[in-house]
Amino acid sequence: MASIKPLGNRVLVKRLEAEAVSAGGIVLPDSAQEKPQEAEVTALGTGGTDENGKEIVFDVKVGDKVLISKYGGTDVSVGGEEQLILSQSDILGVITD
């Protein structure tokens, strides 16, 4: 099985499934559903330094559930599973229970 190790300040995430039923109880077909904005972090990049020479520190860890921007990142297929590589700055927040 192939794997991807993101580089720099990039993060690999797997989108979590969107609700298939609206709040009013209407079943939504796949074509009507928006891309889910919730995802789970599956891999972190290599880090490094930013343009000012300051070390890049990740604010998330593998396994965190995060809220991501709707149209950020690049879709990739990892072992037949669709995932997304995005910059850490495209993560809007960490979802806490």
N, C-alpha and C. Protein backbone atom coordinates (compact mmCIF):
# COMPACT_ATOMS: atom_id res chain seq x y z
N MET A 1 0.84 -1.17 0.00
CA MET A 1 0.00 0.00 0.00
C MET A 1 0.89 1.24 0.00
N ALA A 2 0.61 2.16 -0.91
CA ALA A 2 1.38 3.40 -1.00
C ALA A 2 1.00 4.34 0.13
N SER A 3 1.95 5.18 0.51
CA SER A 3 1.66 6.19 1.51
C SER A 3 2.29 7.50 1.06
N ILE A 4 1.83 8.59 1.63
CA ILE A 4 2.34 9.91 1.28
C ILE A 4 2.82 10.60 2.54
N LYS A 5 4.02 11.15 2.50
CA LYS A 5 4.56 11.95 3.60
C LYS A 5 4.57 13.40 3.11
N PRO A 6 3.69 14.26 3.64
CA PRO A 6 3.69 15.66 3.21
C PRO A 6 5.02 16.34 3.53
N LEU A 7 5.36 17.35 2.77
CA LEU A 7 6.60 18.10 2.99
C LEU A 7 6.28 19.48 3.58
N GLY A 8 7.24 20.05 4.28
CA GLY A 8 7.09 21.39 4.82
C GLY A 8 5.95 21.49 5.82
N ASN A 9 5.17 22.56 5.69
CA ASN A 9 4.08 22.80 6.64
C ASN A 9 2.75 22.23 6.15
N ARG A 10 2.82 21.19 5.32
CA ARG A 10 1.60 20.60 4.79
C ARG A 10 1.11 19.46 5.68
N VAL A 11 -0.20 19.20 5.57
CA VAL A 11 -0.86 18.19 6.38
C VAL A 11 -1.72 17.34 5.45
N LEU A 12 -1.75 16.03 5.69
CA LEU A 12 -2.60 15.11 4.94
C LEU A 12 -3.82 14.81 5.80
N VAL A 13 -5.02 15.00 5.23
CA VAL A 13 -6.25 14.76 5.98
C VAL A 13 -7.20 13.90 5.16
N LYS A 14 -8.09 13.23 5.88
CA LYS A 14 -9.14 12.44 5.25
C LYS A 14 -10.46 13.10 5.63
N ARG A 15 -11.23 13.50 4.60
CA ARG A 15 -12.52 14.13 4.86
C ARG A 15 -13.44 13.15 5.57
N LEU A 16 -14.19 13.65 6.55
CA LEU A 16 -15.19 12.84 7.23
C LEU A 16 -16.48 12.90 6.43
N GLU A 17 -17.26 11.84 6.48
CA GLU A 17 -18.47 11.74 5.67
C GLU A 17 -19.46 12.85 6.02
N ALA A 18 -20.07 13.41 4.98
CA ALA A 18 -21.10 14.44 5.15
C ALA A 18 -22.43 13.77 5.48
N GLU A 19 -23.29 14.52 6.13
CA GLU A 19 -24.62 14.00 6.43
C GLU A 19 -25.39 13.80 5.12
N ALA A 20 -26.05 12.66 4.98
CA ALA A 20 -26.82 12.36 3.77
C ALA A 20 -28.27 12.77 3.91
N VAL A 21 -28.65 13.26 5.10
CA VAL A 21 -30.03 13.67 5.34
C VAL A 21 -29.99 15.10 5.86
N SER A 22 -30.86 15.97 5.29
CA SER A 22 -30.90 17.36 5.73
C SER A 22 -31.55 17.46 7.11
N ALA A 23 -31.48 18.64 7.71
CA ALA A 23 -32.09 18.85 9.02
C ALA A 23 -33.59 18.62 8.99
N GLY A 24 -34.21 18.82 7.82
CA GLY A 24 -35.65 18.61 7.68
C GLY A 24 -36.02 17.18 7.34
N GLY A 25 -35.03 16.29 7.25
CA GLY A 25 -35.29 14.88 6.99
C GLY A 25 -35.26 14.48 5.53
N ILE A 26 -34.83 15.39 4.64
CA ILE A 26 -34.77 15.09 3.21
C ILE A 26 -33.45 14.39 2.91
N VAL A 27 -33.51 13.25 2.21
CA VAL A 27 -32.30 12.52 1.82
C VAL A 27 -31.67 13.23 0.64
N LEU A 28 -30.39 13.57 0.80
CA LEU A 28 -29.67 14.31 -0.23
C LEU A 28 -28.83 13.37 -1.10
N PRO A 29 -28.97 13.45 -2.44
CA PRO A 29 -28.10 12.64 -3.30
C PRO A 29 -26.67 13.18 -3.25
N ASP A 30 -25.70 12.35 -3.62
CA ASP A 30 -24.29 12.75 -3.58
C ASP A 30 -24.04 14.05 -4.34
N SER A 31 -24.71 14.24 -5.48
CA SER A 31 -24.48 15.43 -6.29
C SER A 31 -24.95 16.71 -5.61
N ALA A 32 -25.86 16.61 -4.65
CA ALA A 32 -26.39 17.80 -3.96
C ALA A 32 -25.64 18.10 -2.67
N GLN A 33 -24.80 17.19 -2.24
CA GLN A 33 -24.10 17.39 -0.97
C GLN A 33 -22.86 18.26 -1.18
N GLU A 34 -22.60 19.13 -0.23
CA GLU A 34 -21.38 19.93 -0.27
C GLU A 34 -20.22 19.08 0.23
N LYS A 35 -19.00 19.48 -0.15
CA LYS A 35 -17.82 18.80 0.36
C LYS A 35 -17.79 18.97 1.87
N PRO A 36 -17.55 17.92 2.61
CA PRO A 36 -17.49 18.07 4.07
C PRO A 36 -16.30 18.94 4.47
N GLN A 37 -16.50 19.75 5.50
CA GLN A 37 -15.43 20.61 5.99
C GLN A 37 -14.74 20.00 7.19
N GLU A 38 -15.25 18.87 7.68
CA GLU A 38 -14.60 18.19 8.80
C GLU A 38 -13.70 17.10 8.25
N ALA A 39 -12.50 16.98 8.84
CA ALA A 39 -11.53 15.99 8.38
C ALA A 39 -10.72 15.49 9.56
N GLU A 40 -10.05 14.36 9.34
CA GLU A 40 -9.16 13.80 10.34
C GLU A 40 -7.73 13.85 9.81
N VAL A 41 -6.81 14.33 10.63
CA VAL A 41 -5.40 14.44 10.24
C VAL A 41 -4.81 13.02 10.20
N THR A 42 -4.20 12.66 9.05
CA THR A 42 -3.61 11.33 8.91
C THR A 42 -2.08 11.37 8.85
N ALA A 43 -1.50 12.54 8.50
CA ALA A 43 -0.03 12.66 8.46
C ALA A 43 0.36 14.13 8.51
N LEU A 44 1.52 14.40 9.12
CA LEU A 44 2.06 15.75 9.19
C LEU A 44 3.28 15.86 8.30
N GLY A 45 3.54 17.07 7.83
CA GLY A 45 4.70 17.33 6.99
C GLY A 45 6.01 17.23 7.76
N THR A 46 7.07 17.59 7.09
CA THR A 46 8.41 17.47 7.65
C THR A 46 8.80 18.67 8.50
N GLY A 47 7.96 19.70 8.49
CA GLY A 47 8.28 20.89 9.28
C GLY A 47 9.26 21.77 8.55
N GLY A 48 10.31 22.18 9.22
CA GLY A 48 11.30 23.05 8.61
C GLY A 48 11.25 24.42 9.25
N THR A 49 11.63 25.44 8.48
CA THR A 49 11.62 26.81 8.97
C THR A 49 10.82 27.69 8.02
N ASP A 50 10.25 28.77 8.57
CA ASP A 50 9.51 29.70 7.73
C ASP A 50 10.47 30.71 7.10
N GLU A 51 9.93 31.72 6.41
CA GLU A 51 10.77 32.69 5.70
C GLU A 51 11.62 33.56 6.63
N ASN A 52 11.27 33.59 7.93
CA ASN A 52 12.05 34.36 8.90
C ASN A 52 13.05 33.49 9.67
N GLY A 53 13.16 32.21 9.31
CA GLY A 53 14.08 31.30 9.97
C GLY A 53 13.53 30.69 11.25
N LYS A 54 12.26 30.96 11.55
CA LYS A 54 11.63 30.41 12.75
C LYS A 54 11.13 29.00 12.45
N GLU A 55 11.34 28.09 13.41
CA GLU A 55 10.93 26.69 13.23
C GLU A 55 9.40 26.59 13.09
N ILE A 56 8.94 25.78 12.14
CA ILE A 56 7.51 25.55 11.95
C ILE A 56 7.05 24.55 12.99
N VAL A 57 6.08 24.94 13.79
CA VAL A 57 5.51 24.07 14.82
C VAL A 57 4.08 23.75 14.41
N PHE A 58 3.74 22.48 14.39
CA PHE A 58 2.38 22.09 14.02
C PHE A 58 1.44 22.26 15.20
N ASP A 59 0.27 22.84 14.94
CA ASP A 59 -0.74 23.03 15.97
C ASP A 59 -1.70 21.85 16.04
N VAL A 60 -1.53 20.87 15.15
CA VAL A 60 -2.38 19.69 15.13
C VAL A 60 -1.50 18.45 15.21
N LYS A 61 -2.12 17.31 15.51
CA LYS A 61 -1.38 16.05 15.53
C LYS A 61 -2.20 15.00 14.79
N VAL A 62 -1.59 13.90 14.43
CA VAL A 62 -2.28 12.82 13.74
C VAL A 62 -3.43 12.34 14.62
N GLY A 63 -4.60 12.18 14.02
CA GLY A 63 -5.79 11.75 14.74
C GLY A 63 -6.72 12.88 15.12
N ASP A 64 -6.23 14.14 15.09
CA ASP A 64 -7.09 15.28 15.41
C ASP A 64 -8.19 15.41 14.37
N LYS A 65 -9.38 15.79 14.82
CA LYS A 65 -10.47 16.15 13.92
C LYS A 65 -10.42 17.65 13.76
N VAL A 66 -10.42 18.10 12.50
CA VAL A 66 -10.22 19.52 12.22
C VAL A 66 -11.31 20.04 11.27
N LEU A 67 -11.45 21.36 11.26
CA LEU A 67 -12.33 22.05 10.34
C LEU A 67 -11.44 22.67 9.28
N ILE A 68 -11.71 22.36 8.00
CA ILE A 68 -10.85 22.84 6.91
C ILE A 68 -11.64 23.76 6.00
N SER A 69 -10.91 24.60 5.25
CA SER A 69 -11.57 25.48 4.29
C SER A 69 -12.18 24.62 3.18
N LYS A 70 -13.30 25.09 2.65
CA LYS A 70 -14.07 24.30 1.67
C LYS A 70 -13.28 23.95 0.43
N TYR A 71 -12.54 24.91 -0.11
CA TYR A 71 -11.92 24.69 -1.41
C TYR A 71 -10.40 24.68 -1.37
N GLY A 72 -9.81 24.52 -0.19
CA GLY A 72 -8.36 24.49 -0.07
C GLY A 72 -7.81 23.10 -0.33
N GLY A 73 -6.52 23.03 -0.57
CA GLY A 73 -5.85 21.75 -0.68
C GLY A 73 -5.90 21.11 -2.05
N THR A 74 -5.25 19.96 -2.14
CA THR A 74 -5.17 19.17 -3.37
C THR A 74 -5.62 17.76 -3.07
N ASP A 75 -6.61 17.28 -3.85
CA ASP A 75 -7.10 15.92 -3.67
C ASP A 75 -6.07 14.92 -4.17
N VAL A 76 -5.82 13.87 -3.38
CA VAL A 76 -4.91 12.79 -3.76
C VAL A 76 -5.55 11.46 -3.39
N SER A 77 -5.12 10.40 -4.06
CA SER A 77 -5.59 9.06 -3.74
C SER A 77 -4.46 8.30 -3.06
N VAL A 78 -4.72 7.84 -1.84
CA VAL A 78 -3.73 7.10 -1.07
C VAL A 78 -4.28 5.71 -0.81
N GLY A 79 -3.71 4.71 -1.46
CA GLY A 79 -4.19 3.34 -1.28
C GLY A 79 -5.65 3.18 -1.68
N GLY A 80 -6.09 3.91 -2.71
CA GLY A 80 -7.48 3.82 -3.17
C GLY A 80 -8.44 4.67 -2.35
N GLU A 81 -7.94 5.40 -1.36
CA GLU A 81 -8.78 6.23 -0.51
C GLU A 81 -8.49 7.70 -0.81
N GLU A 82 -9.55 8.47 -1.03
CA GLU A 82 -9.39 9.89 -1.33
C GLU A 82 -8.99 10.66 -0.07
N GLN A 83 -7.90 11.43 -0.18
CA GLN A 83 -7.46 12.27 0.92
C GLN A 83 -7.11 13.64 0.35
N LEU A 84 -6.65 14.53 1.20
CA LEU A 84 -6.40 15.91 0.81
C LEU A 84 -5.10 16.38 1.45
N ILE A 85 -4.22 16.98 0.63
CA ILE A 85 -3.01 17.60 1.17
C ILE A 85 -3.26 19.10 1.19
N LEU A 86 -3.05 19.71 2.35
CA LEU A 86 -3.26 21.15 2.45
C LEU A 86 -2.25 21.77 3.38
N SER A 87 -2.10 23.05 3.26
CA SER A 87 -1.20 23.79 4.14
C SER A 87 -1.82 23.87 5.52
N GLN A 88 -1.00 23.89 6.56
CA GLN A 88 -1.52 24.00 7.91
C GLN A 88 -2.39 25.25 8.05
N SER A 89 -2.10 26.29 7.28
CA SER A 89 -2.89 27.53 7.36
C SER A 89 -4.30 27.37 6.80
N ASP A 90 -4.57 26.29 6.05
CA ASP A 90 -5.91 26.01 5.53
C ASP A 90 -6.77 25.30 6.56
N ILE A 91 -6.19 24.94 7.71
CA ILE A 91 -6.96 24.35 8.81
C ILE A 91 -7.50 25.50 9.63
N LEU A 92 -8.83 25.54 9.77
CA LEU A 92 -9.49 26.65 10.44
C LEU A 92 -9.56 26.46 11.95
N GLY A 93 -9.57 25.19 12.41
CA GLY A 93 -9.64 24.93 13.82
C GLY A 93 -9.65 23.45 14.13
N VAL A 94 -9.43 23.11 15.38
CA VAL A 94 -9.46 21.73 15.85
C VAL A 94 -10.82 21.52 16.53
N ILE A 95 -11.48 20.42 16.19
CA ILE A 95 -12.79 20.10 16.77
C ILE A 95 -12.57 19.35 18.07
N THR A 96 -13.12 19.87 19.15
CA THR A 96 -13.00 19.22 20.45
C THR A 96 -14.36 18.68 20.86
N ASP A 97 -14.36 17.59 21.59
CA ASP A 97 -15.63 16.98 22.03
C ASP A 97 -16.09 17.56 23.33
